[in-house]
PDB file of N, CA and C in Angstrom:
ATOM      1  N   UNK A   1     -37.461  12.813 -18.891  1.00  0.00           N
ATOM      2  CA  UNK A   1     -36.691  13.606 -17.946  1.00  0.00           C
ATOM      3  C   UNK A   1     -36.249  14.921 -18.567  1.00  0.00           C
ATOM      4  N   UNK A   2     -35.861  14.905 -19.835  1.00  0.00           N
ATOM      5  CA  UNK A   2     -35.392  16.136 -20.459  1.00  0.00           C
ATOM      6  C   UNK A   2     -36.522  17.145 -20.623  1.00  0.00           C
ATOM      7  N   UNK A   3     -37.769  16.664 -20.768  1.00  0.00           N
ATOM      8  CA  UNK A   3     -38.904  17.583 -20.850  1.00  0.00           C
ATOM      9  C   UNK A   3     -39.093  18.338 -19.546  1.00  0.00           C
ATOM     10  N   UNK A   4     -38.888  17.660 -18.425  1.00  0.00           N
ATOM     11  CA  UNK A   4     -39.007  18.328 -17.134  1.00  0.00           C
ATOM     12  C   UNK A   4     -37.934  19.391 -16.960  1.00  0.00           C
ATOM     13  N   UNK A   5     -36.720  19.107 -17.396  1.00  0.00           N
ATOM     14  CA  UNK A   5     -35.639  20.083 -17.297  1.00  0.00           C
ATOM     15  C   UNK A   5     -35.910  21.292 -18.176  1.00  0.00           C
ATOM     16  N   UNK A   6     -36.380  21.057 -19.394  1.00  0.00           N
ATOM     17  CA  UNK A   6     -36.680  22.175 -20.276  1.00  0.00           C
ATOM     18  C   UNK A   6     -37.809  23.033 -19.715  1.00  0.00           C
ATOM     19  N   UNK A   7     -38.798  22.413 -19.125  1.00  0.00           N
ATOM     20  CA  UNK A   7     -39.913  23.170 -18.552  1.00  0.00           C
ATOM     21  C   UNK A   7     -39.446  24.003 -17.354  1.00  0.00           C
ATOM     22  N   UNK A   8     -38.539  23.454 -16.553  1.00  0.00           N
ATOM     23  CA  UNK A   8     -38.041  24.184 -15.392  1.00  0.00           C
ATOM     24  C   UNK A   8     -37.200  25.391 -15.812  1.00  0.00           C
ATOM     25  N   UNK A   9     -36.423  25.251 -16.882  1.00  0.00           N
ATOM     26  CA  UNK A   9     -35.568  26.349 -17.301  1.00  0.00           C
ATOM     27  C   UNK A   9     -36.294  27.383 -18.144  1.00  0.00           C
ATOM     28  N   UNK A  10     -37.502  27.090 -18.601  1.00  0.00           N
ATOM     29  CA  UNK A  10     -38.247  28.048 -19.397  1.00  0.00           C
ATOM     30  C   UNK A  10     -39.091  28.994 -18.557  1.00  0.00           C
ATOM     31  N   UNK A  11     -39.183  28.763 -17.256  1.00  0.00           N
ATOM     32  CA  UNK A  11     -39.996  29.628 -16.411  1.00  0.00           C
ATOM     33  C   UNK A  11     -39.259  30.928 -16.157  1.00  0.00           C
ATOM     34  N   UNK A  12     -39.867  32.047 -16.580  1.00  0.00           N
ATOM     35  CA  UNK A  12     -39.277  33.353 -16.384  1.00  0.00           C
ATOM     36  C   UNK A  12     -40.338  34.306 -15.879  1.00  0.00           C
ATOM     37  N   UNK A  13     -39.911  35.316 -15.133  1.00  0.00           N
ATOM     38  CA  UNK A  13     -40.848  36.301 -14.618  1.00  0.00           C
ATOM     39  C   UNK A  13     -41.313  37.208 -15.745  1.00  0.00           C
ATOM     40  N   UNK A  14     -42.597  37.571 -15.707  1.00  0.00           N
ATOM     41  CA  UNK A  14     -43.132  38.462 -16.725  1.00  0.00           C
ATOM     42  C   UNK A  14     -43.308  39.883 -16.223  1.00  0.00           C
ATOM     43  N   UNK A  15     -43.288  40.103 -14.912  1.00  0.00           N
ATOM     44  CA  UNK A  15     -43.573  41.422 -14.360  1.00  0.00           C
ATOM     45  C   UNK A  15     -42.331  42.296 -14.183  1.00  0.00           C
ATOM     46  N   UNK A  16     -41.240  41.956 -14.850  1.00  0.00           N
ATOM     47  CA  UNK A  16     -40.009  42.733 -14.729  1.00  0.00           C
ATOM     48  C   UNK A  16     -40.018  43.902 -15.710  1.00  0.00           C
ATOM     49  N   UNK A  17     -39.512  45.067 -15.293  1.00  0.00           N
ATOM     50  CA  UNK A  17     -39.411  46.178 -16.234  1.00  0.00           C
ATOM     51  C   UNK A  17     -38.256  45.957 -17.204  1.00  0.00           C
ATOM     52  N   UNK A  18     -38.209  46.744 -18.249  1.00  0.00           N
ATOM     53  CA  UNK A  18     -37.123  46.644 -19.217  1.00  0.00           C
ATOM     54  C   UNK A  18     -35.889  47.328 -18.632  1.00  0.00           C
ATOM     55  N   UNK A  19     -34.831  46.568 -18.456  1.00  0.00           N
ATOM     56  CA  UNK A  19     -33.617  47.067 -17.814  1.00  0.00           C
ATOM     57  C   UNK A  19     -32.522  47.280 -18.849  1.00  0.00           C
ATOM     58  N   UNK A  20     -31.721  48.331 -18.634  1.00  0.00           N
ATOM     59  CA  UNK A  20     -30.571  48.624 -19.480  1.00  0.00           C
ATOM     60  C   UNK A  20     -29.396  48.996 -18.581  1.00  0.00           C
ATOM     61  N   UNK A  21     -28.205  48.868 -19.119  1.00  0.00           N
ATOM     62  CA  UNK A  21     -27.022  49.282 -18.387  1.00  0.00           C
ATOM     63  C   UNK A  21     -27.062  50.798 -18.237  1.00  0.00           C
ATOM     64  N   UNK A  22     -26.778  51.283 -17.041  1.00  0.00           N
ATOM     65  CA  UNK A  22     -26.809  52.711 -16.764  1.00  0.00           C
ATOM     66  C   UNK A  22     -28.082  53.176 -16.098  1.00  0.00           C
ATOM     67  N   UNK A  23     -29.076  52.303 -15.961  1.00  0.00           N
ATOM     68  CA  UNK A  23     -30.327  52.679 -15.308  1.00  0.00           C
ATOM     69  C   UNK A  23     -30.115  52.816 -13.804  1.00  0.00           C
ATOM     70  N   UNK A  24     -30.796  53.795 -13.227  1.00  0.00           N
ATOM     71  CA  UNK A  24     -30.803  53.970 -11.782  1.00  0.00           C
ATOM     72  C   UNK A  24     -32.026  53.233 -11.255  1.00  0.00           C
ATOM     73  N   UNK A  25     -31.810  52.186 -10.450  1.00  0.00           N
ATOM     74  CA  UNK A  25     -32.902  51.301 -10.043  1.00  0.00           C
ATOM     75  C   UNK A  25     -32.941  51.136  -8.529  1.00  0.00           C
ATOM     76  N   UNK A  26     -34.105  50.720  -8.062  1.00  0.00           N
ATOM     77  CA  UNK A  26     -34.284  50.276  -6.686  1.00  0.00           C
ATOM     78  C   UNK A  26     -34.758  48.833  -6.737  1.00  0.00           C
ATOM     79  N   UNK A  27     -34.045  47.958  -6.045  1.00  0.00           N
ATOM     80  CA  UNK A  27     -34.373  46.539  -6.018  1.00  0.00           C
ATOM     81  C   UNK A  27     -34.846  46.194  -4.612  1.00  0.00           C
ATOM     82  N   UNK A  28     -36.038  45.632  -4.504  1.00  0.00           N
ATOM     83  CA  UNK A  28     -36.585  45.189  -3.227  1.00  0.00           C
ATOM     84  C   UNK A  28     -36.336  43.678  -3.122  1.00  0.00           C
ATOM     85  N   UNK A  29     -35.535  43.294  -2.143  1.00  0.00           N
ATOM     86  CA  UNK A  29     -35.105  41.903  -1.999  1.00  0.00           C
ATOM     87  C   UNK A  29     -35.526  41.398  -0.625  1.00  0.00           C
ATOM     88  N   UNK A  30     -36.047  40.164  -0.576  1.00  0.00           N
ATOM     89  CA  UNK A  30     -36.355  39.533   0.699  1.00  0.00           C
ATOM     90  C   UNK A  30     -35.110  38.833   1.209  1.00  0.00           C
ATOM     91  N   UNK A  31     -34.760  39.103   2.470  1.00  0.00           N
ATOM     92  CA  UNK A  31     -33.611  38.435   3.077  1.00  0.00           C
ATOM     93  C   UNK A  31     -34.066  37.777   4.375  1.00  0.00           C
ATOM     94  N   UNK A  32     -33.361  36.738   4.764  1.00  0.00           N
ATOM     95  CA  UNK A  32     -33.677  36.021   6.000  1.00  0.00           C
ATOM     96  C   UNK A  32     -33.005  36.713   7.175  1.00  0.00           C
ATOM     97  N   UNK A  33     -33.780  36.906   8.244  1.00  0.00           N
ATOM     98  CA  UNK A  33     -33.260  37.444   9.493  1.00  0.00           C
ATOM     99  C   UNK A  33     -33.533  36.386  10.551  1.00  0.00           C
ATOM    100  N   UNK A  34     -32.507  35.763  11.032  1.00  0.00           N
ATOM    101  CA  UNK A  34     -32.710  34.652  11.964  1.00  0.00           C
ATOM    102  C   UNK A  34     -33.090  33.402  11.190  1.00  0.00           C
ATOM    103  N   UNK A  35     -33.868  32.555  11.837  1.00  0.00           N
ATOM    104  CA  UNK A  35     -34.233  31.292  11.198  1.00  0.00           C
ATOM    105  C   UNK A  35     -35.552  31.370  10.447  1.00  0.00           C
ATOM    106  N   UNK A  36     -36.552  32.039  11.035  1.00  0.00           N
ATOM    107  CA  UNK A  36     -37.880  32.025  10.429  1.00  0.00           C
ATOM    108  C   UNK A  36     -38.334  33.380   9.909  1.00  0.00           C
ATOM    109  N   UNK A  37     -37.674  34.449  10.275  1.00  0.00           N
ATOM    110  CA  UNK A  37     -38.143  35.780   9.914  1.00  0.00           C
ATOM    111  C   UNK A  37     -37.543  36.241   8.595  1.00  0.00           C
ATOM    112  N   UNK A  38     -38.336  36.976   7.835  1.00  0.00           N
ATOM    113  CA  UNK A  38     -37.871  37.587   6.593  1.00  0.00           C
ATOM    114  C   UNK A  38     -38.217  39.061   6.618  1.00  0.00           C
ATOM    115  N   UNK A  39     -37.396  39.850   5.964  1.00  0.00           N
ATOM    116  CA  UNK A  39     -37.697  41.260   5.810  1.00  0.00           C
ATOM    117  C   UNK A  39     -37.279  41.689   4.423  1.00  0.00           C
ATOM    118  N   UNK A  40     -37.763  42.861   4.026  1.00  0.00           N
ATOM    119  CA  UNK A  40     -37.457  43.380   2.704  1.00  0.00           C
ATOM    120  C   UNK A  40     -36.304  44.373   2.814  1.00  0.00           C
ATOM    121  N   UNK A  41     -35.304  44.191   1.990  1.00  0.00           N
ATOM    122  CA  UNK A  41     -34.162  45.096   1.964  1.00  0.00           C
ATOM    123  C   UNK A  41     -34.167  45.836   0.643  1.00  0.00           C
ATOM    124  N   UNK A  42     -33.855  47.126   0.675  1.00  0.00           N
ATOM    125  CA  UNK A  42     -33.882  47.958  -0.525  1.00  0.00           C
ATOM    126  C   UNK A  42     -32.448  48.280  -0.925  1.00  0.00           C
ATOM    127  N   UNK A  43     -32.131  48.050  -2.200  1.00  0.00           N
ATOM    128  CA  UNK A  43     -30.818  48.380  -2.745  1.00  0.00           C
ATOM    129  C   UNK A  43     -31.049  49.350  -3.890  1.00  0.00           C
ATOM    130  N   UNK A  44     -30.534  50.581  -3.773  1.00  0.00           N
ATOM    131  CA  UNK A  44     -30.700  51.570  -4.834  1.00  0.00           C
ATOM    132  C   UNK A  44     -29.324  51.912  -5.392  1.00  0.00           C
ATOM    133  N   UNK A  45     -29.201  51.812  -6.709  1.00  0.00           N
ATOM    134  CA  UNK A  45     -27.931  52.104  -7.344  1.00  0.00           C
ATOM    135  C   UNK A  45     -28.043  52.069  -8.860  1.00  0.00           C
ATOM    136  N   UNK A  46     -26.905  51.998  -9.509  1.00  0.00           N
ATOM    137  CA  UNK A  46     -26.811  52.015 -10.968  1.00  0.00           C
ATOM    138  C   UNK A  46     -26.469  50.617 -11.466  1.00  0.00           C
ATOM    139  N   UNK A  47     -27.125  50.209 -12.537  1.00  0.00           N
ATOM    140  CA  UNK A  47     -26.811  48.917 -13.152  1.00  0.00           C
ATOM    141  C   UNK A  47     -25.515  49.075 -13.943  1.00  0.00           C
ATOM    142  N   UNK A  48     -24.480  48.320 -13.563  1.00  0.00           N
ATOM    143  CA  UNK A  48     -23.214  48.418 -14.285  1.00  0.00           C
ATOM    144  C   UNK A  48     -22.973  47.211 -15.178  1.00  0.00           C
ATOM    145  N   UNK A  49     -23.725  46.132 -14.983  1.00  0.00           N
ATOM    146  CA  UNK A  49     -23.571  44.956 -15.832  1.00  0.00           C
ATOM    147  C   UNK A  49     -24.914  44.269 -15.969  1.00  0.00           C
ATOM    148  N   UNK A  50     -25.200  43.786 -17.166  1.00  0.00           N
ATOM    149  CA  UNK A  50     -26.457  43.085 -17.433  1.00  0.00           C
ATOM    150  C   UNK A  50     -26.146  41.907 -18.325  1.00  0.00           C
ATOM    151  N   UNK A  51     -26.455  40.727 -17.832  1.00  0.00           N
ATOM    152  CA  UNK A  51     -26.212  39.516 -18.614  1.00  0.00           C
ATOM    153  C   UNK A  51     -27.538  38.876 -18.933  1.00  0.00           C
ATOM    154  N   UNK A  52     -27.775  38.575 -20.198  1.00  0.00           N
ATOM    155  CA  UNK A  52     -29.053  38.030 -20.633  1.00  0.00           C
ATOM    156  C   UNK A  52     -28.843  36.664 -21.252  1.00  0.00           C
ATOM    157  N   UNK A  53     -28.546  35.660 -20.434  1.00  0.00           N
ATOM    158  CA  UNK A  53     -28.388  34.325 -20.994  1.00  0.00           C
ATOM    159  C   UNK A  53     -29.436  33.389 -20.456  1.00  0.00           C
ATOM    160  N   UNK A  54     -30.645  33.471 -20.970  1.00  0.00           N
ATOM    161  CA  UNK A  54     -31.691  32.523 -20.636  1.00  0.00           C
ATOM    162  C   UNK A  54     -32.157  32.630 -19.197  1.00  0.00           C
ATOM    163  N   UNK A  55     -32.204  31.503 -18.526  1.00  0.00           N
ATOM    164  CA  UNK A  55     -32.697  31.459 -17.163  1.00  0.00           C
ATOM    165  C   UNK A  55     -31.694  32.025 -16.170  1.00  0.00           C
ATOM    166  N   UNK A  56     -30.436  32.090 -16.529  1.00  0.00           N
ATOM    167  CA  UNK A  56     -29.386  32.589 -15.642  1.00  0.00           C
ATOM    168  C   UNK A  56     -29.134  34.074 -15.825  1.00  0.00           C
ATOM    169  N   UNK A  57     -30.139  34.810 -16.285  1.00  0.00           N
ATOM    170  CA  UNK A  57     -29.959  36.251 -16.479  1.00  0.00           C
ATOM    171  C   UNK A  57     -29.672  36.908 -15.135  1.00  0.00           C
ATOM    172  N   UNK A  58     -28.706  37.820 -15.116  1.00  0.00           N
ATOM    173  CA  UNK A  58     -28.413  38.529 -13.881  1.00  0.00           C
ATOM    174  C   UNK A  58     -27.973  39.953 -14.183  1.00  0.00           C
ATOM    175  N   UNK A  59     -27.979  40.780 -13.153  1.00  0.00           N
ATOM    176  CA  UNK A  59     -27.527  42.154 -13.291  1.00  0.00           C
ATOM    177  C   UNK A  59     -26.820  42.559 -12.008  1.00  0.00           C
ATOM    178  N   UNK A  60     -25.884  43.493 -12.143  1.00  0.00           N
ATOM    179  CA  UNK A  60     -25.098  43.967 -11.015  1.00  0.00           C
ATOM    180  C   UNK A  60     -25.437  45.417 -10.755  1.00  0.00           C
ATOM    181  N   UNK A  61     -25.754  45.720  -9.499  1.00  0.00           N
ATOM    182  CA  UNK A  61     -26.097  47.073  -9.082  1.00  0.00           C
ATOM    183  C   UNK A  61     -24.970  47.603  -8.211  1.00  0.00           C
ATOM    184  N   UNK A  62     -24.501  48.814  -8.521  1.00  0.00           N
ATOM    185  CA  UNK A  62     -23.455  49.459  -7.739  1.00  0.00           C
ATOM    186  C   UNK A  62     -24.046  50.656  -7.029  1.00  0.00           C
ATOM    187  N   UNK A  63     -23.802  50.732  -5.737  1.00  0.00           N
ATOM    188  CA  UNK A  63     -24.266  51.876  -4.960  1.00  0.00           C
ATOM    189  C   UNK A  63     -23.132  52.379  -4.088  1.00  0.00           C
ATOM    190  N   UNK A  64     -23.267  53.607  -3.632  1.00  0.00           N
ATOM    191  CA  UNK A  64     -22.262  54.195  -2.760  1.00  0.00           C
ATOM    192  C   UNK A  64     -22.788  54.115  -1.334  1.00  0.00           C
ATOM    193  N   UNK A  65     -22.076  53.373  -0.487  1.00  0.00           N
ATOM    194  CA  UNK A  65     -22.467  53.219   0.911  1.00  0.00           C
ATOM    195  C   UNK A  65     -21.871  54.369   1.722  1.00  0.00           C
ATOM    196  N   UNK A  66     -21.873  54.227   3.020  1.00  0.00           N
ATOM    197  CA  UNK A  66     -21.366  55.291   3.879  1.00  0.00           C
ATOM    198  C   UNK A  66     -19.866  55.499   3.663  1.00  0.00           C
ATOM    199  N   UNK A  67     -19.416  56.705   3.869  1.00  0.00           N
ATOM    200  CA  UNK A  67     -18.013  57.117   3.717  1.00  0.00           C
ATOM    201  C   UNK A  67     -17.502  56.957   2.294  1.00  0.00           C
ATOM    202  N   UNK A  68     -18.401  56.958   1.313  1.00  0.00           N
ATOM    203  CA  UNK A  68     -17.988  56.909  -0.082  1.00  0.00           C
ATOM    204  C   UNK A  68     -17.475  55.560  -0.553  1.00  0.00           C
ATOM    205  N   UNK A  69     -17.791  54.508   0.148  1.00  0.00           N
ATOM    206  CA  UNK A  69     -17.342  53.173  -0.234  1.00  0.00           C
ATOM    207  C   UNK A  69     -18.351  52.581  -1.207  1.00  0.00           C
ATOM    208  N   UNK A  70     -17.878  52.102  -2.347  1.00  0.00           N
ATOM    209  CA  UNK A  70     -18.756  51.508  -3.344  1.00  0.00           C
ATOM    210  C   UNK A  70     -19.043  50.048  -3.039  1.00  0.00           C
ATOM    211  N   UNK A  71     -20.315  49.669  -3.181  1.00  0.00           N
ATOM    212  CA  UNK A  71     -20.738  48.300  -2.911  1.00  0.00           C
ATOM    213  C   UNK A  71     -21.472  47.794  -4.142  1.00  0.00           C
ATOM    214  N   UNK A  72     -21.118  46.601  -4.603  1.00  0.00           N
ATOM    215  CA  UNK A  72     -21.782  45.994  -5.752  1.00  0.00           C
ATOM    216  C   UNK A  72     -22.497  44.727  -5.304  1.00  0.00           C
ATOM    217  N   UNK A  73     -23.677  44.514  -5.895  1.00  0.00           N
ATOM    218  CA  UNK A  73     -24.439  43.315  -5.578  1.00  0.00           C
ATOM    219  C   UNK A  73     -25.049  42.782  -6.860  1.00  0.00           C
ATOM    220  N   UNK A  74     -24.917  41.475  -7.064  1.00  0.00           N
ATOM    221  CA  UNK A  74     -25.430  40.835  -8.264  1.00  0.00           C
ATOM    222  C   UNK A  74     -26.710  40.089  -7.919  1.00  0.00           C
ATOM    223  N   UNK A  75     -27.737  40.271  -8.754  1.00  0.00           N
ATOM    224  CA  UNK A  75     -29.034  39.651  -8.541  1.00  0.00           C
ATOM    225  C   UNK A  75     -29.380  38.788  -9.740  1.00  0.00           C
ATOM    226  N   UNK A  76     -30.008  37.645  -9.487  1.00  0.00           N
ATOM    227  CA  UNK A  76     -30.592  36.845 -10.555  1.00  0.00           C
ATOM    228  C   UNK A  76     -31.953  37.437 -10.900  1.00  0.00           C
ATOM    229  N   UNK A  77     -32.208  37.646 -12.185  1.00  0.00           N
ATOM    230  CA  UNK A  77     -33.463  38.279 -12.593  1.00  0.00           C
ATOM    231  C   UNK A  77     -34.671  37.409 -12.273  1.00  0.00           C
ATOM    232  N   UNK A  78     -34.547  36.105 -12.375  1.00  0.00           N
ATOM    233  CA  UNK A  78     -35.679  35.211 -12.160  1.00  0.00           C
ATOM    234  C   UNK A  78     -35.746  34.679 -10.734  1.00  0.00           C
ATOM    235  N   UNK A  79     -35.037  35.299  -9.818  1.00  0.00           N
ATOM    236  CA  UNK A  79     -35.020  34.817  -8.448  1.00  0.00           C
ATOM    237  C   UNK A  79     -36.349  35.103  -7.752  1.00  0.00           C
ATOM    238  N   UNK A  80     -36.850  34.156  -6.979  1.00  0.00           N
ATOM    239  CA  UNK A  80     -38.073  34.432  -6.213  1.00  0.00           C
ATOM    240  C   UNK A  80     -37.829  35.382  -5.052  1.00  0.00           C
ATOM    241  N   UNK A  81     -36.579  35.670  -4.723  1.00  0.00           N
ATOM    242  CA  UNK A  81     -36.240  36.602  -3.647  1.00  0.00           C
ATOM    243  C   UNK A  81     -36.482  38.058  -4.035  1.00  0.00           C
ATOM    244  N   UNK A  82     -36.496  38.359  -5.315  1.00  0.00           N
ATOM    245  CA  UNK A  82     -36.721  39.735  -5.770  1.00  0.00           C
ATOM    246  C   UNK A  82     -38.215  40.004  -5.764  1.00  0.00           C
ATOM    247  N   UNK A  83     -38.628  40.993  -4.955  1.00  0.00           N
ATOM    248  CA  UNK A  83     -40.041  41.352  -4.894  1.00  0.00           C
ATOM    249  C   UNK A  83     -40.428  42.246  -6.062  1.00  0.00           C
ATOM    250  N   UNK A  84     -39.672  43.323  -6.255  1.00  0.00           N
ATOM    251  CA  UNK A  84     -39.940  44.207  -7.383  1.00  0.00           C
ATOM    252  C   UNK A  84     -38.707  45.029  -7.695  1.00  0.00           C
ATOM    253  N   UNK A  85     -38.699  45.590  -8.908  1.00  0.00           N
ATOM    254  CA  UNK A  85     -37.619  46.439  -9.381  1.00  0.00           C
ATOM    255  C   UNK A  85     -38.245  47.728  -9.894  1.00  0.00           C
ATOM    256  N   UNK A  86     -37.801  48.856  -9.358  1.00  0.00           N
ATOM    257  CA  UNK A  86     -38.275  50.160  -9.804  1.00  0.00           C
ATOM    258  C   UNK A  86     -37.158  50.848 -10.577  1.00  0.00           C
ATOM    259  N   UNK A  87     -37.467  51.346 -11.779  1.00  0.00           N
ATOM    260  CA  UNK A  87     -36.496  52.086 -12.579  1.00  0.00           C
ATOM    261  C   UNK A  87     -36.784  53.567 -12.389  1.00  0.00           C
ATOM    262  N   UNK A  88     -35.787  54.329 -11.915  1.00  0.00           N
ATOM    263  CA  UNK A  88     -35.975  55.743 -11.636  1.00  0.00           C
ATOM    264  C   UNK A  88     -35.560  56.629 -12.804  1.00  0.00           C
ATOM    265  N   UNK A  89     -34.427  56.301 -13.415  1.00  0.00           N
ATOM    266  CA  UNK A  89     -33.965  57.103 -14.548  1.00  0.00           C
ATOM    267  C   UNK A  89     -33.109  56.247 -15.458  1.00  0.00           C
ATOM    268  N   UNK A  90     -33.049  56.649 -16.724  1.00  0.00           N
ATOM    269  CA  UNK A  90     -32.228  55.980 -17.725  1.00  0.00           C
ATOM    270  C   UNK A  90     -31.046  56.881 -18.045  1.00  0.00           C
ATOM    271  N   UNK A  91     -29.944  56.297 -18.467  1.00  0.00           N
ATOM    272  CA  UNK A  91     -28.744  57.068 -18.774  1.00  0.00           C
ATOM    273  C   UNK A  91     -28.259  56.749 -20.181  1.00  0.00           C
ATOM    274  N   UNK A  92     -27.560  57.724 -20.765  1.00  0.00           N
ATOM    275  CA  UNK A  92     -26.947  57.547 -22.073  1.00  0.00           C
ATOM    276  C   UNK A  92     -25.598  56.876 -21.847  1.00  0.00           C
ATOM    277  N   UNK A  93     -25.449  55.647 -22.340  1.00  0.00           N
ATOM    278  CA  UNK A  93     -24.185  54.919 -22.205  1.00  0.00           C
ATOM    279  C   UNK A  93     -23.814  54.342 -23.562  1.00  0.00           C
ATOM    280  N   UNK A  94     -22.513  54.180 -23.782  1.00  0.00           N
ATOM    281  CA  UNK A  94     -22.032  53.631 -25.039  1.00  0.00           C
ATOM    282  C   UNK A  94     -21.238  52.355 -24.831  1.00  0.00           C
ATOM    283  N   UNK A  95     -21.271  51.831 -23.608  1.00  0.00           N
ATOM    284  CA  UNK A  95     -20.544  50.609 -23.318  1.00  0.00           C
ATOM    285  C   UNK A  95     -21.511  49.592 -22.724  1.00  0.00           C
ATOM    286  N   UNK A  96     -21.175  48.326 -22.861  1.00  0.00           N
ATOM    287  CA  UNK A  96     -22.060  47.291 -22.336  1.00  0.00           C
ATOM    288  C   UNK A  96     -21.824  47.041 -20.851  1.00  0.00           C
ATOM    289  N   UNK A  97     -20.634  47.340 -20.352  1.00  0.00           N
ATOM    290  CA  UNK A  97     -20.331  47.201 -18.925  1.00  0.00           C
ATOM    291  C   UNK A  97     -19.707  48.495 -18.440  1.00  0.00           C
ATOM    292  N   UNK A  98     -20.187  49.012 -17.328  1.00  0.00           N
ATOM    293  CA  UNK A  98     -19.717  50.299 -16.814  1.00  0.00           C
ATOM    294  C   UNK A  98     -18.720  50.105 -15.680  1.00  0.00           C
ATOM    295  N   UNK A  99     -17.707  49.302 -15.932  1.00  0.00           N
ATOM    296  CA  UNK A  99     -16.714  49.041 -14.898  1.00  0.00           C
ATOM    297  C   UNK A  99     -15.863  50.255 -14.584  1.00  0.00           C
ATOM    298  N   UNK A 100     -15.827  51.252 -15.465  1.00  0.00           N
ATOM    299  CA  UNK A 100     -15.031  52.446 -15.211  1.00  0.00           C
ATOM    300  C   UNK A 100     -15.604  53.261 -14.052  1.00  0.00           C
ATOM    301  N   UNK A 101     -16.852  53.018 -13.670  1.00  0.00           N
ATOM    302  CA  UNK A 101     -17.438  53.742 -12.539  1.00  0.00           C
ATOM    303  C   UNK A 101     -16.819  53.329 -11.209  1.00  0.00           C
ATOM    304  N   UNK A 102     -16.119  52.202 -11.181  1.00  0.00           N
ATOM    305  CA  UNK A 102     -15.480  51.753  -9.944  1.00  0.00           C
ATOM    306  C   UNK A 102     -14.378  52.699  -9.504  1.00  0.00           C
ATOM    307  N   UNK A 103     -13.718  53.337 -10.459  1.00  0.00           N
ATOM    308  CA  UNK A 103     -12.600  54.220 -10.136  1.00  0.00           C
ATOM    309  C   UNK A 103     -13.034  55.660  -9.903  1.00  0.00           C
ATOM    310  N   UNK A 104     -14.300  55.973 -10.114  1.00  0.00           N
ATOM    311  CA  UNK A 104     -14.746  57.360 -10.056  1.00  0.00           C
ATOM    312  C   UNK A 104     -15.649  57.607  -8.860  1.00  0.00           C
ATOM    313  N   UNK A 105     -15.565  58.830  -8.354  1.00  0.00           N
ATOM    314  CA  UNK A 105     -16.434  59.265  -7.269  1.00  0.00           C
ATOM    315  C   UNK A 105     -16.897  60.680  -7.572  1.00  0.00           C
ATOM    316  N   UNK A 106     -17.968  61.086  -6.945  1.00  0.00           N
ATOM    317  CA  UNK A 106     -18.453  62.459  -7.086  1.00  0.00           C
ATOM    318  C   UNK A 106     -19.041  62.749  -8.450  1.00  0.00           C
ATOM    319  N   UNK A 107     -18.723  63.946  -8.975  1.00  0.00           N
ATOM    320  CA  UNK A 107     -19.322  64.380 -10.227  1.00  0.00           C
ATOM    321  C   UNK A 107     -18.846  63.573 -11.428  1.00  0.00           C
ATOM    322  N   UNK A 108     -17.652  63.031 -11.363  1.00  0.00           N
ATOM    323  CA  UNK A 108     -17.148  62.266 -12.502  1.00  0.00           C
ATOM    324  C   UNK A 108     -17.852  60.914 -12.633  1.00  0.00           C
ATOM    325  N   UNK A 109     -18.567  60.496 -11.598  1.00  0.00           N
ATOM    326  CA  UNK A 109     -19.284  59.224 -11.651  1.00  0.00           C
ATOM    327  C   UNK A 109     -20.708  59.394 -12.147  1.00  0.00           C
ATOM    328  N   UNK A 110     -21.105  60.609 -12.499  1.00  0.00           N
ATOM    329  CA  UNK A 110     -22.462  60.833 -12.980  1.00  0.00           C
ATOM    330  C   UNK A 110     -22.593  60.421 -14.436  1.00  0.00           C
ATOM    331  N   UNK A 111     -23.775  59.980 -14.789  1.00  0.00           N
ATOM    332  CA  UNK A 111     -24.100  59.613 -16.167  1.00  0.00           C
ATOM    333  C   UNK A 111     -25.156  60.571 -16.686  1.00  0.00           C
ATOM    334  N   UNK A 112     -25.059  60.911 -17.971  1.00  0.00           N
ATOM    335  CA  UNK A 112     -26.027  61.830 -18.572  1.00  0.00           C
ATOM    336  C   UNK A 112     -27.375  61.140 -18.726  1.00  0.00           C
ATOM    337  N   UNK A 113     -28.442  61.821 -18.367  1.00  0.00           N
ATOM    338  CA  UNK A 113     -29.769  61.219 -18.377  1.00  0.00           C
ATOM    339  C   UNK A 113     -30.322  61.140 -19.799  1.00  0.00           C
ATOM    340  N   UNK A 114     -30.970  60.009 -20.079  1.00  0.00           N
ATOM    341  CA  UNK A 114     -31.645  59.803 -21.365  1.00  0.00           C
ATOM    342  C   UNK A 114     -33.122  60.019 -21.132  1.00  0.00           C
ATOM    343  N   UNK A 115     -33.685  60.970 -21.846  1.00  0.00           N
ATOM    344  CA  UNK A 115     -35.095  61.287 -21.675  1.00  0.00           C
ATOM    345  C   UNK A 115     -35.937  60.283 -22.424  1.00  0.00           C
ATOM    346  N   UNK A 116     -36.915  59.718 -21.748  1.00  0.00           N
ATOM    347  CA  UNK A 116     -37.816  58.754 -22.349  1.00  0.00           C
ATOM    348  C   UNK A 116     -39.209  59.368 -22.352  1.00  0.00           C
ATOM    349  N   UNK A 117     -39.774  59.516 -23.546  1.00  0.00           N
ATOM    350  CA  UNK A 117     -41.099  60.131 -23.644  1.00  0.00           C
ATOM    351  C   UNK A 117     -42.146  59.113 -23.976  1.00  0.00           C
TER     352      UNK A 117
END
């Protein structure tokens, strides 16, 4: 029985890009609409938290919705609901969690871009 549990927890996705805190990403997620229908929803924002603990790896994306209201959503990295993740830009950050972005809006919420060659 323990072999089956270990095998189930060792399954991880290989097609994920390398993610870092401060990256500007687009996450394509399948959501249920009604009972049988599914559609793809796009969430674009900044990664403010990244947890890397085995099979329970997750990350939190913060985006600004209408009227300047901030919305955060946490995704499991190995979830079958995630279709793909696109990384648009990387940022220079010196902290592991960017919770200070919750209090900022406008230009003060911008992060300096890290050039990747």
